[in-house]
Amino acid sequence: WINRGQVTPNFRATITITGLVTLIAAYNYFRMFQSWE
C-alpha cells in the first residue's frame, strides 16, 4: 500500500487487492496465534 503510487492508475486496484489479501491473512494468523496460545 505504501508503494501503490509507484504504478500507473491502471494497476493501482490490483496492488490494493494484493495488500488486502495479506491484510486478511495477517488478521487471521493473529487470531490463530491467540487461539493456539
Full PDB file with SEQRES, HELIX, SHEET, SSBOND, CRYST1, ORIGX, SCALE, CONECT and MASTER records, all heavy atoms in Angstrom:
SEQRES   1 A   37  TRP ILE ASN ARG GLY GLN VAL THR PRO ASN PHE ARG ALA          
SEQRES   2 A   37  THR ILE THR ILE THR GLY LEU VAL THR LEU ILE ALA ALA          
SEQRES   3 A   37  TYR ASN TYR PHE ARG MET PHE GLN SER TRP GLU                  
HELIX    1 AA1 ARG A    4  GLN A    6  5                                   3    
HELIX    2 AA2 PRO A    9  TRP A   36  1                                  28    
CRYST1    1.000    1.000    1.000  90.00  90.00  90.00 P 1           1          
ORIGX1      1.000000  0.000000  0.000000        0.00000                         
ORIGX2      0.000000  1.000000  0.000000        0.00000                         
ORIGX3      0.000000  0.000000  1.000000        0.00000                         
SCALE1      1.000000  0.000000  0.000000        0.00000                         
SCALE2      0.000000  1.000000  0.000000        0.00000                         
SCALE3      0.000000  0.000000  1.000000        0.00000                         
ATOM      1  N   TRP A   1       0.811  -1.214   0.000  1.00  0.00           N  
ATOM      2  CA  TRP A   1       0.000   0.000   0.000  1.00  0.00           C  
ATOM      3  C   TRP A   1       0.848   1.269   0.000  1.00  0.00           C  
ATOM      4  O   TRP A   1       0.464   2.258  -0.618  1.00  0.00           O  
ATOM      5  CB  TRP A   1      -0.960  -0.030   1.179  1.00  0.00           C  
ATOM      6  CG  TRP A   1      -2.099  -0.996   0.938  1.00  0.00           C  
ATOM      7  CD1 TRP A   1      -2.365  -1.674  -0.221  1.00  0.00           C  
ATOM      8  CD2 TRP A   1      -3.111  -1.387   1.868  1.00  0.00           C  
ATOM      9  NE1 TRP A   1      -3.467  -2.469  -0.066  1.00  0.00           N  
ATOM     10  CE2 TRP A   1      -3.966  -2.320   1.190  1.00  0.00           C  
ATOM     11  CE3 TRP A   1      -3.379  -1.068   3.185  1.00  0.00           C  
ATOM     12  CZ2 TRP A   1      -5.063  -2.907   1.824  1.00  0.00           C  
ATOM     13  CZ3 TRP A   1      -4.483  -1.659   3.813  1.00  0.00           C  
ATOM     14  CH2 TRP A   1      -5.311  -2.567   3.125  1.00  0.00           C  
ATOM     15  N   ILE A   2       1.993   1.241   0.660  1.00  0.00           N  
ATOM     16  CA  ILE A   2       2.871   2.414   0.631  1.00  0.00           C  
ATOM     17  C   ILE A   2       3.397   2.655  -0.775  1.00  0.00           C  
ATOM     18  O   ILE A   2       3.547   3.808  -1.215  1.00  0.00           O  
ATOM     19  CB  ILE A   2       4.044   2.232   1.623  1.00  0.00           C  
ATOM     20  CG1 ILE A   2       3.530   2.347   3.065  1.00  0.00           C  
ATOM     21  CG2 ILE A   2       5.150   3.259   1.370  1.00  0.00           C  
ATOM     22  CD1 ILE A   2       4.561   1.989   4.115  1.00  0.00           C  
ATOM     23  N   ASN A   3       3.673   1.584  -1.511  1.00  0.00           N  
ATOM     24  CA  ASN A   3       4.240   1.711  -2.851  1.00  0.00           C  
ATOM     25  C   ASN A   3       3.199   1.679  -3.962  1.00  0.00           C  
ATOM     26  O   ASN A   3       3.553   1.575  -5.140  1.00  0.00           O  
ATOM     27  CB  ASN A   3       5.261   0.592  -3.074  1.00  0.00           C  
ATOM     28  CG  ASN A   3       6.524   0.804  -2.264  1.00  0.00           C  
ATOM     29  OD1 ASN A   3       7.384   1.612  -2.609  1.00  0.00           O  
ATOM     30  ND2 ASN A   3       6.638   0.074  -1.158  1.00  0.00           N  
ATOM     31  N   ARG A   4       1.946   1.793  -3.596  1.00  0.00           N  
ATOM     32  CA  ARG A   4       0.873   1.789  -4.596  1.00  0.00           C  
ATOM     33  C   ARG A   4       1.042   2.902  -5.621  1.00  0.00           C  
ATOM     34  O   ARG A   4       0.709   2.753  -6.790  1.00  0.00           O  
ATOM     35  CB  ARG A   4      -0.468   1.914  -3.867  1.00  0.00           C  
ATOM     36  CG  ARG A   4      -1.696   1.862  -4.739  1.00  0.00           C  
ATOM     37  CD  ARG A   4      -2.944   1.861  -3.878  1.00  0.00           C  
ATOM     38  NE  ARG A   4      -4.163   1.956  -4.674  1.00  0.00           N  
ATOM     39  CZ  ARG A   4      -4.710   3.092  -5.068  1.00  0.00           C  
ATOM     40  NH1 ARG A   4      -4.154   4.254  -4.715  1.00  0.00           N  
ATOM     41  NH2 ARG A   4      -5.817   3.093  -5.801  1.00  0.00           N  
ATOM     42  N   GLY A   5       1.587   4.024  -5.181  1.00  0.00           N  
ATOM     43  CA  GLY A   5       1.772   5.158  -6.081  1.00  0.00           C  
ATOM     44  C   GLY A   5       2.884   4.975  -7.098  1.00  0.00           C  
ATOM     45  O   GLY A   5       3.074   5.825  -7.975  1.00  0.00           O  
ATOM     46  N   GLN A   6       3.647   3.882  -7.009  1.00  0.00           N  
ATOM     47  CA  GLN A   6       4.735   3.642  -7.939  1.00  0.00           C  
ATOM     48  C   GLN A   6       4.268   3.011  -9.244  1.00  0.00           C  
ATOM     49  O   GLN A   6       5.078   2.780 -10.146  1.00  0.00           O  
ATOM     50  CB  GLN A   6       5.791   2.728  -7.287  1.00  0.00           C  
ATOM     51  CG  GLN A   6       6.397   3.293  -6.014  1.00  0.00           C  
ATOM     52  CD  GLN A   6       7.010   4.670  -6.239  1.00  0.00           C  
ATOM     53  OE1 GLN A   6       7.805   4.859  -7.154  1.00  0.00           O  
ATOM     54  NE2 GLN A   6       6.633   5.628  -5.400  1.00  0.00           N  
ATOM     55  N   VAL A   7       2.977   2.697  -9.334  1.00  0.00           N  
ATOM     56  CA  VAL A   7       2.438   2.139 -10.575  1.00  0.00           C  
ATOM     57  C   VAL A   7       1.408   3.101 -11.147  1.00  0.00           C  
ATOM     58  O   VAL A   7       0.891   3.977 -10.439  1.00  0.00           O  
ATOM     59  CB  VAL A   7       1.794   0.750 -10.331  1.00  0.00           C  
ATOM     60  CG1 VAL A   7       2.831  -0.211  -9.756  1.00  0.00           C  
ATOM     61  CG2 VAL A   7       0.586   0.839  -9.413  1.00  0.00           C  
ATOM     62  N   THR A   8       1.113   2.947 -12.416  1.00  0.00           N  
ATOM     63  CA  THR A   8       0.132   3.816 -13.069  1.00  0.00           C  
ATOM     64  C   THR A   8      -1.276   3.460 -12.585  1.00  0.00           C  
ATOM     65  O   THR A   8      -1.502   2.369 -12.044  1.00  0.00           O  
ATOM     66  CB  THR A   8       0.219   3.669 -14.595  1.00  0.00           C  
ATOM     67  OG1 THR A   8       0.043   2.289 -14.938  1.00  0.00           O  
ATOM     68  CG2 THR A   8       1.560   4.154 -15.111  1.00  0.00           C  
ATOM     69  N   PRO A   9      -2.239   4.361 -12.780  1.00  0.00           N  
ATOM     70  CA  PRO A   9      -3.606   4.120 -12.294  1.00  0.00           C  
ATOM     71  C   PRO A   9      -4.207   2.802 -12.763  1.00  0.00           C  
ATOM     72  O   PRO A   9      -5.054   2.226 -12.060  1.00  0.00           O  
ATOM     73  CB  PRO A   9      -4.381   5.317 -12.839  1.00  0.00           C  
ATOM     74  CG  PRO A   9      -3.364   6.418 -12.896  1.00  0.00           C  
ATOM     75  CD  PRO A   9      -2.092   5.733 -13.317  1.00  0.00           C  
ATOM     76  N   ASN A  10      -3.799   2.325 -13.926  1.00  0.00           N  
ATOM     77  CA  ASN A  10      -4.346   1.066 -14.441  1.00  0.00           C  
ATOM     78  C   ASN A  10      -4.067  -0.132 -13.532  1.00  0.00           C  
ATOM     79  O   ASN A  10      -4.775  -1.145 -13.609  1.00  0.00           O  
ATOM     80  CB  ASN A  10      -3.768   0.767 -15.823  1.00  0.00           C  
ATOM     81  CG  ASN A  10      -4.356   1.660 -16.897  1.00  0.00           C  
ATOM     82  OD1 ASN A  10      -5.498   2.094 -16.802  1.00  0.00           O  
ATOM     83  ND2 ASN A  10      -3.579   1.946 -17.922  1.00  0.00           N  
ATOM     84  N   PHE A  11      -3.042  -0.018 -12.680  1.00  0.00           N  
ATOM     85  CA  PHE A  11      -2.641  -1.160 -11.855  1.00  0.00           C  
ATOM     86  C   PHE A  11      -2.821  -0.917 -10.360  1.00  0.00           C  
ATOM     87  O   PHE A  11      -2.486  -1.788  -9.555  1.00  0.00           O  
ATOM     88  CB  PHE A  11      -1.174  -1.524 -12.141  1.00  0.00           C  
ATOM     89  CG  PHE A  11      -0.936  -1.929 -13.565  1.00  0.00           C  
ATOM     90  CD1 PHE A  11      -0.383  -1.042 -14.467  1.00  0.00           C  
ATOM     91  CD2 PHE A  11      -1.294  -3.193 -14.005  1.00  0.00           C  
ATOM     92  CE1 PHE A  11      -0.178  -1.409 -15.792  1.00  0.00           C  
ATOM     93  CE2 PHE A  11      -1.088  -3.579 -15.318  1.00  0.00           C  
ATOM     94  CZ  PHE A  11      -0.535  -2.680 -16.221  1.00  0.00           C  
ATOM     95  N   ARG A  12      -3.348   0.223  -9.982  1.00  0.00           N  
ATOM     96  CA  ARG A  12      -3.466   0.521  -8.556  1.00  0.00           C  
ATOM     97  C   ARG A  12      -4.523  -0.326  -7.868  1.00  0.00           C  
ATOM     98  O   ARG A  12      -4.367  -0.701  -6.698  1.00  0.00           O  
ATOM     99  CB  ARG A  12      -3.730   2.018  -8.353  1.00  0.00           C  
ATOM    100  CG  ARG A  12      -2.475   2.831  -8.629  1.00  0.00           C  
ATOM    101  CD  ARG A  12      -2.675   4.309  -8.515  1.00  0.00           C  
ATOM    102  NE  ARG A  12      -1.491   4.994  -9.072  1.00  0.00           N  
ATOM    103  CZ  ARG A  12      -1.480   6.248  -9.473  1.00  0.00           C  
ATOM    104  NH1 ARG A  12      -2.585   6.986  -9.367  1.00  0.00           N  
ATOM    105  NH2 ARG A  12      -0.382   6.777  -9.968  1.00  0.00           N  
ATOM    106  N   ALA A  13      -5.604  -0.646  -8.571  1.00  0.00           N  
ATOM    107  CA  ALA A  13      -6.612  -1.523  -7.975  1.00  0.00           C  
ATOM    108  C   ALA A  13      -6.017  -2.899  -7.691  1.00  0.00           C  
ATOM    109  O   ALA A  13      -6.308  -3.521  -6.656  1.00  0.00           O  
ATOM    110  CB  ALA A  13      -7.817  -1.651  -8.907  1.00  0.00           C  
ATOM    111  N   THR A  14      -5.157  -3.369  -8.595  1.00  0.00           N  
ATOM    112  CA  THR A  14      -4.507  -4.669  -8.404  1.00  0.00           C  
ATOM    113  C   THR A  14      -3.647  -4.657  -7.145  1.00  0.00           C  
ATOM    114  O   THR A  14      -3.683  -5.606  -6.340  1.00  0.00           O  
ATOM    115  CB  THR A  14      -3.629  -5.012  -9.624  1.00  0.00           C  
ATOM    116  OG1 THR A  14      -4.426  -4.959 -10.801  1.00  0.00           O  
ATOM    117  CG2 THR A  14      -3.017  -6.392  -9.479  1.00  0.00           C  
ATOM    118  N   ILE A  15      -2.867  -3.597  -6.970  1.00  0.00           N  
ATOM    119  CA  ILE A  15      -1.985  -3.517  -5.796  1.00  0.00           C  
ATOM    120  C   ILE A  15      -2.797  -3.346  -4.514  1.00  0.00           C  
ATOM    121  O   ILE A  15      -2.423  -3.865  -3.458  1.00  0.00           O  
ATOM    122  CB  ILE A  15      -0.976  -2.359  -5.958  1.00  0.00           C  
ATOM    123  CG1 ILE A  15      -0.138  -2.555  -7.225  1.00  0.00           C  
ATOM    124  CG2 ILE A  15      -0.067  -2.265  -4.742  1.00  0.00           C  
ATOM    125  CD1 ILE A  15       0.576  -3.902  -7.290  1.00  0.00           C  
ATOM    126  N   THR A  16      -3.920  -2.652  -4.615  1.00  0.00           N  
ATOM    127  CA  THR A  16      -4.805  -2.529  -3.458  1.00  0.00           C  
ATOM    128  C   THR A  16      -5.315  -3.906  -3.031  1.00  0.00           C  
ATOM    129  O   THR A  16      -5.323  -4.250  -1.838  1.00  0.00           O  
ATOM    130  CB  THR A  16      -5.994  -1.613  -3.773  1.00  0.00           C  
ATOM    131  OG1 THR A  16      -5.507  -0.299  -4.105  1.00  0.00           O  
ATOM    132  CG2 THR A  16      -6.935  -1.504  -2.578  1.00  0.00           C  
ATOM    133  N   ILE A  17      -5.736  -4.715  -3.996  1.00  0.00           N  
ATOM    134  CA  ILE A  17      -6.210  -6.070  -3.705  1.00  0.00           C  
ATOM    135  C   ILE A  17      -5.079  -6.930  -3.149  1.00  0.00           C  
ATOM    136  O   ILE A  17      -5.282  -7.722  -2.219  1.00  0.00           O  
ATOM    137  CB  ILE A  17      -6.809  -6.716  -4.970  1.00  0.00           C  
ATOM    138  CG1 ILE A  17      -8.087  -5.981  -5.373  1.00  0.00           C  
ATOM    139  CG2 ILE A  17      -7.092  -8.200  -4.742  1.00  0.00           C  
ATOM    140  CD1 ILE A  17      -8.660  -6.425  -6.699  1.00  0.00           C  
ATOM    141  N   THR A  18      -3.881  -6.761  -3.690  1.00  0.00           N  
ATOM    142  CA  THR A  18      -2.724  -7.509  -3.205  1.00  0.00           C  
ATOM    143  C   THR A  18      -2.496  -7.246  -1.720  1.00  0.00           C  
ATOM    144  O   THR A  18      -2.261  -8.173  -0.928  1.00  0.00           O  
ATOM    145  CB  THR A  18      -1.463  -7.129  -4.009  1.00  0.00           C  
ATOM    146  OG1 THR A  18      -1.696  -7.383  -5.397  1.00  0.00           O  
ATOM    147  CG2 THR A  18      -0.248  -7.924  -3.545  1.00  0.00           C  
ATOM    148  N   GLY A  19      -2.567  -5.978  -1.330  1.00  0.00           N  
ATOM    149  CA  GLY A  19      -2.416  -5.632   0.080  1.00  0.00           C  
ATOM    150  C   GLY A  19      -3.583  -6.109   0.918  1.00  0.00           C  
ATOM    151  O   GLY A  19      -3.407  -6.474   2.090  1.00  0.00           O  
ATOM    152  N   LEU A  20      -4.783  -6.116   0.342  1.00  0.00           N  
ATOM    153  CA  LEU A  20      -5.956  -6.593   1.071  1.00  0.00           C  
ATOM    154  C   LEU A  20      -5.814  -8.079   1.399  1.00  0.00           C  
ATOM    155  O   LEU A  20      -6.175  -8.521   2.497  1.00  0.00           O  
ATOM    156  CB  LEU A  20      -7.217  -6.353   0.235  1.00  0.00           C  
ATOM    157  CG  LEU A  20      -8.549  -6.783   0.861  1.00  0.00           C  
ATOM    158  CD1 LEU A  20      -8.804  -6.035   2.162  1.00  0.00           C  
ATOM    159  CD2 LEU A  20      -9.689  -6.549  -0.126  1.00  0.00           C  
ATOM    160  N   VAL A  21      -5.273  -8.860   0.454  1.00  0.00           N  
ATOM    161  CA  VAL A  21      -5.065 -10.292   0.677  1.00  0.00           C  
ATOM    162  C   VAL A  21      -4.151 -10.518   1.880  1.00  0.00           C  
ATOM    163  O   VAL A  21      -4.452 -11.313   2.778  1.00  0.00           O  
ATOM    164  CB  VAL A  21      -4.472 -10.959  -0.581  1.00  0.00           C  
ATOM    165  CG1 VAL A  21      -3.915 -12.347  -0.253  1.00  0.00           C  
ATOM    166  CG2 VAL A  21      -5.531 -11.059  -1.667  1.00  0.00           C  
ATOM    167  N   THR A  22      -3.024  -9.820   1.909  1.00  0.00           N  
ATOM    168  CA  THR A  22      -2.083 -10.021   3.020  1.00  0.00           C  
ATOM    169  C   THR A  22      -2.628  -9.444   4.329  1.00  0.00           C  
ATOM    170  O   THR A  22      -2.305  -9.957   5.411  1.00  0.00           O  
ATOM    171  CB  THR A  22      -0.714  -9.401   2.695  1.00  0.00           C  
ATOM    172  OG1 THR A  22      -0.867  -8.047   2.246  1.00  0.00           O  
ATOM    173  CG2 THR A  22      -0.007 -10.198   1.600  1.00  0.00           C  
ATOM    174  N   LEU A  23      -3.455  -8.407   4.249  1.00  0.00           N  
ATOM    175  CA  LEU A  23      -4.075  -7.860   5.466  1.00  0.00           C  
ATOM    176  C   LEU A  23      -5.036  -8.878   6.078  1.00  0.00           C  
ATOM    177  O   LEU A  23      -5.024  -9.108   7.296  1.00  0.00           O  
ATOM    178  CB  LEU A  23      -4.815  -6.566   5.147  1.00  0.00           C  
ATOM    179  CG  LEU A  23      -5.574  -5.926   6.320  1.00  0.00           C  
ATOM    180  CD1 LEU A  23      -4.612  -5.489   7.418  1.00  0.00           C  
ATOM    181  CD2 LEU A  23      -6.416  -4.746   5.843  1.00  0.00           C  
ATOM    182  N   ILE A  24      -5.877  -9.481   5.245  1.00  0.00           N  
ATOM    183  CA  ILE A  24      -6.813 -10.501   5.732  1.00  0.00           C  
ATOM    184  C   ILE A  24      -6.037 -11.663   6.339  1.00  0.00           C  
ATOM    185  O   ILE A  24      -6.395 -12.186   7.408  1.00  0.00           O  
ATOM    186  CB  ILE A  24      -7.720 -10.990   4.589  1.00  0.00           C  
ATOM    187  CG1 ILE A  24      -8.644  -9.867   4.121  1.00  0.00           C  
ATOM    188  CG2 ILE A  24      -8.542 -12.203   5.029  1.00  0.00           C  
ATOM    189  CD1 ILE A  24      -9.416 -10.184   2.856  1.00  0.00           C  
ATOM    190  N   ALA A  25      -4.965 -12.076   5.662  1.00  0.00           N  
ATOM    191  CA  ALA A  25      -4.154 -13.180   6.175  1.00  0.00           C  
ATOM    192  C   ALA A  25      -3.507 -12.812   7.505  1.00  0.00           C  
ATOM    193  O   ALA A  25      -3.460 -13.628   8.434  1.00  0.00           O  
ATOM    194  CB  ALA A  25      -3.087 -13.563   5.154  1.00  0.00           C  
ATOM    195  N   ALA A  26      -2.998 -11.580   7.610  1.00  0.00           N  
ATOM    196  CA  ALA A  26      -2.362 -11.141   8.855  1.00  0.00           C  
ATOM    197  C   ALA A  26      -3.361 -11.197  10.016  1.00  0.00           C  
ATOM    198  O   ALA A  26      -3.035 -11.690  11.107  1.00  0.00           O  
ATOM    199  CB  ALA A  26      -1.821  -9.723   8.698  1.00  0.00           C  
ATOM    200  N   TYR A  27      -4.568 -10.712   9.780  1.00  0.00           N  
ATOM    201  CA  TYR A  27      -5.590 -10.727  10.835  1.00  0.00           C  
ATOM    202  C   TYR A  27      -5.890 -12.155  11.289  1.00  0.00           C  
ATOM    203  O   TYR A  27      -5.932 -12.449  12.490  1.00  0.00           O  
ATOM    204  CB  TYR A  27      -6.875 -10.062  10.333  1.00  0.00           C  
ATOM    205  CG  TYR A  27      -8.051 -10.289  11.260  1.00  0.00           C  
ATOM    206  CD1 TYR A  27      -8.176  -9.571  12.448  1.00  0.00           C  
ATOM    207  CD2 TYR A  27      -9.021 -11.243  10.958  1.00  0.00           C  
ATOM    208  CE1 TYR A  27      -9.235  -9.796  13.308  1.00  0.00           C  
ATOM    209  CE2 TYR A  27     -10.082 -11.470  11.817  1.00  0.00           C  
ATOM    210  CZ  TYR A  27     -10.190 -10.743  12.991  1.00  0.00           C  
ATOM    211  OH  TYR A  27     -11.243 -10.971  13.847  1.00  0.00           O  
ATOM    212  N   ASN A  28      -6.094 -13.049  10.333  1.00  0.00           N  
ATOM    213  CA  ASN A  28      -6.461 -14.420  10.689  1.00  0.00           C  
ATOM    214  C   ASN A  28      -5.306 -15.164  11.340  1.00  0.00           C  
ATOM    215  O   ASN A  28      -5.534 -16.008  12.221  1.00  0.00           O  
ATOM    216  CB  ASN A  28      -6.974 -15.162   9.457  1.00  0.00           C  
ATOM    217  CG  ASN A  28      -8.404 -14.787   9.126  1.00  0.00           C  
ATOM    218  OD1 ASN A  28      -9.342 -15.154   9.816  1.00  0.00           O  
ATOM    219  ND2 ASN A  28      -8.578 -14.014   8.063  1.00  0.00           N  
ATOM    220  N   TYR A  29      -4.067 -14.864  10.951  1.00  0.00           N  
ATOM    221  CA  TYR A  29      -2.934 -15.500  11.629  1.00  0.00           C  
ATOM    222  C   TYR A  29      -2.769 -14.970  13.045  1.00  0.00           C  
ATOM    223  O   TYR A  29      -2.370 -15.709  13.947  1.00  0.00           O  
ATOM    224  CB  TYR A  29      -1.645 -15.332  10.827  1.00  0.00           C  
ATOM    225  CG  TYR A  29      -1.421 -16.503   9.911  1.00  0.00           C  
ATOM    226  CD1 TYR A  29      -1.842 -16.460   8.589  1.00  0.00           C  
ATOM    227  CD2 TYR A  29      -0.836 -17.687  10.371  1.00  0.00           C  
ATOM    228  CE1 TYR A  29      -1.690 -17.553   7.755  1.00  0.00           C  
ATOM    229  CE2 TYR A  29      -0.685 -18.782   9.552  1.00  0.00           C  
ATOM    230  CZ  TYR A  29      -1.104 -18.710   8.240  1.00  0.00           C  
ATOM    231  OH  TYR A  29      -0.967 -19.804   7.431  1.00  0.00           O  
ATOM    232  N   PHE A  30      -3.091 -13.711  13.262  1.00  0.00           N  
ATOM    233  CA  PHE A  30      -3.066 -13.173  14.618  1.00  0.00           C  
ATOM    234  C   PHE A  30      -4.106 -13.878  15.487  1.00  0.00           C  
ATOM    235  O   PHE A  30      -3.818 -14.268  16.629  1.00  0.00           O  
ATOM    236  CB  PHE A  30      -3.344 -11.667  14.587  1.00  0.00           C  
ATOM    237  CG  PHE A  30      -3.414 -11.038  15.951  1.00  0.00           C  
ATOM    238  CD1 PHE A  30      -2.270 -10.892  16.737  1.00  0.00           C  
ATOM    239  CD2 PHE A  30      -4.629 -10.604  16.456  1.00  0.00           C  
ATOM    240  CE1 PHE A  30      -2.347 -10.324  18.002  1.00  0.00           C  
ATOM    241  CE2 PHE A  30      -4.702 -10.029  17.720  1.00  0.00           C  
ATOM    242  CZ  PHE A  30      -3.563  -9.889  18.489  1.00  0.00           C  
ATOM    243  N   ARG A  31      -5.299 -14.093  14.912  1.00  0.00           N  
ATOM    244  CA  ARG A  31      -6.343 -14.783  15.662  1.00  0.00           C  
ATOM    245  C   ARG A  31      -5.980 -16.253  15.900  1.00  0.00           C  
ATOM    246  O   ARG A  31      -6.271 -16.796  16.967  1.00  0.00           O  
ATOM    247  CB  ARG A  31      -7.682 -14.690  14.921  1.00  0.00           C  
ATOM    248  CG  ARG A  31      -8.253 -13.284  14.822  1.00  0.00           C  
ATOM    249  CD  ARG A  31      -8.437 -12.641  16.198  1.00  0.00           C  
ATOM    250  NE  ARG A  31      -9.254 -13.437  17.084  1.00  0.00           N  
ATOM    251  CZ  ARG A  31     -10.579 -13.377  17.158  1.00  0.00           C  
ATOM    252  NH1 ARG A  31     -11.237 -12.524  16.384  1.00  0.00           N  
ATOM    253  NH2 ARG A  31     -11.254 -14.128  18.017  1.00  0.00           N  
ATOM    254  N   MET A  32      -5.332 -16.882  14.924  1.00  0.00           N  
ATOM    255  CA  MET A  32      -4.911 -18.274  15.130  1.00  0.00           C  
ATOM    256  C   MET A  32      -3.851 -18.367  16.220  1.00  0.00           C  
ATOM    257  O   MET A  32      -3.847 -19.300  17.028  1.00  0.00           O  
ATOM    258  CB  MET A  32      -4.391 -18.864  13.818  1.00  0.00           C  
ATOM    259  CG  MET A  32      -5.488 -19.312  12.872  1.00  0.00           C  
ATOM    260  SD  MET A  32      -4.887 -20.353  11.524  1.00  0.00           S  
ATOM    261  CE  MET A  32      -3.990 -19.162  10.543  1.00  0.00           C  
ATOM    262  N   PHE A  33      -2.942 -17.390  16.249  1.00  0.00           N  
ATOM    263  CA  PHE A  33      -1.923 -17.365  17.301  1.00  0.00           C  
ATOM    264  C   PHE A  33      -2.584 -17.240  18.674  1.00  0.00           C  
ATOM    265  O   PHE A  33      -2.223 -17.955  19.618  1.00  0.00           O  
ATOM    266  CB  PHE A  33      -0.957 -16.207  17.066  1.00  0.00           C  
ATOM    267  CG  PHE A  33       0.047 -16.032  18.164  1.00  0.00           C  
ATOM    268  CD1 PHE A  33       1.150 -16.871  18.260  1.00  0.00           C  
ATOM    269  CD2 PHE A  33      -0.103 -15.031  19.115  1.00  0.00           C  
ATOM    270  CE1 PHE A  33       2.072 -16.723  19.284  1.00  0.00           C  
ATOM    271  CE2 PHE A  33       0.815 -14.874  20.143  1.00  0.00           C  
ATOM    272  CZ  PHE A  33       1.914 -15.722  20.222  1.00  0.00           C  
ATOM    273  N   GLN A  34      -3.556 -16.341  18.776  1.00  0.00           N  
ATOM    274  CA  GLN A  34      -4.274 -16.185  20.046  1.00  0.00           C  
ATOM    275  C   GLN A  34      -4.982 -17.479  20.441  1.00  0.00           C  
ATOM    276  O   GLN A  34      -4.944 -17.886  21.610  1.00  0.00           O  
ATOM    277  CB  GLN A  34      -5.309 -15.057  19.926  1.00  0.00           C  
ATOM    278  CG  GLN A  34      -4.739 -13.652  19.890  1.00  0.00           C  
ATOM    279  CD  GLN A  34      -5.839 -12.619  19.838  1.00  0.00           C  
ATOM    280  OE1 GLN A  34      -6.793 -12.738  19.059  1.00  0.00           O  
ATOM    281  NE2 GLN A  34      -5.735 -11.589  20.670  1.00  0.00           N  
ATOM    282  N   SER A  35      -5.633 -18.109  19.464  1.00  0.00           N  
ATOM    283  CA  SER A  35      -6.366 -19.334  19.742  1.00  0.00           C  
ATOM    284  C   SER A  35      -5.428 -20.470  20.141  1.00  0.00           C  
ATOM    285  O   SER A  35      -5.741 -21.252  21.054  1.00  0.00           O  
ATOM    286  CB  SER A  35      -7.182 -19.742  18.508  1.00  0.00           C  
ATOM    287  OG  SER A  35      -7.931 -20.904  18.753  1.00  0.00           O  
ATOM    288  N   TRP A  36      -4.276 -20.544  19.485  1.00  0.00           N  
ATOM    289  CA  TRP A  36      -3.296 -21.581  19.812  1.00  0.00           C  
ATOM    290  C   TRP A  36      -2.781 -21.401  21.242  1.00  0.00           C  
ATOM    291  O   TRP A  36      -2.670 -22.367  22.010  1.00  0.00           O  
ATOM    292  CB  TRP A  36      -2.145 -21.521  18.822  1.00  0.00           C  
ATOM    293  CG  TRP A  36      -1.116 -22.602  18.981  1.00  0.00           C  
ATOM    294  CD1 TRP A  36       0.116 -22.498  19.559  1.00  0.00           C  
ATOM    295  CD2 TRP A  36      -1.227 -23.966  18.542  1.00  0.00           C  
ATOM    296  NE1 TRP A  36       0.784 -23.698  19.511  1.00  0.00           N  
ATOM    297  CE2 TRP A  36      -0.023 -24.621  18.893  1.00  0.00           C  
ATOM    298  CE3 TRP A  36      -2.222 -24.688  17.899  1.00  0.00           C  
ATOM    299  CZ2 TRP A  36       0.200 -25.963  18.602  1.00  0.00           C  
ATOM    300  CZ3 TRP A  36      -1.997 -26.030  17.615  1.00  0.00           C  
ATOM    301  CH2 TRP A  36      -0.798 -26.643  17.977  1.00  0.00           C  
ATOM    302  N   GLU A  37      -2.455 -20.162  21.602  1.00  0.00           N  
ATOM    303  CA  GLU A  37      -1.969 -19.878  22.951  1.00  0.00           C  
ATOM    304  C   GLU A  37      -3.051 -20.146  23.997  1.00  0.00           C  
ATOM    305  O   GLU A  37      -2.739 -20.499  25.140  1.00  0.00           O  
ATOM    306  CB  GLU A  37      -1.518 -18.412  23.031  1.00  0.00           C  
ATOM    307  CG  GLU A  37      -0.275 -18.092  22.223  1.00  0.00           C  
ATOM    308  CD  GLU A  37       0.991 -18.630  22.871  1.00  0.00           C  
ATOM    309  OE1 GLU A  37       1.186 -18.396  24.063  1.00  0.00           O  
ATOM    310  OE2 GLU A  37       1.766 -19.294  22.151  1.00  0.00           O  
TER     311      GLU A  37                                                      
MASTER        0    0    0    2    0    0    0    6  310    1    0    3          
END                                                                             
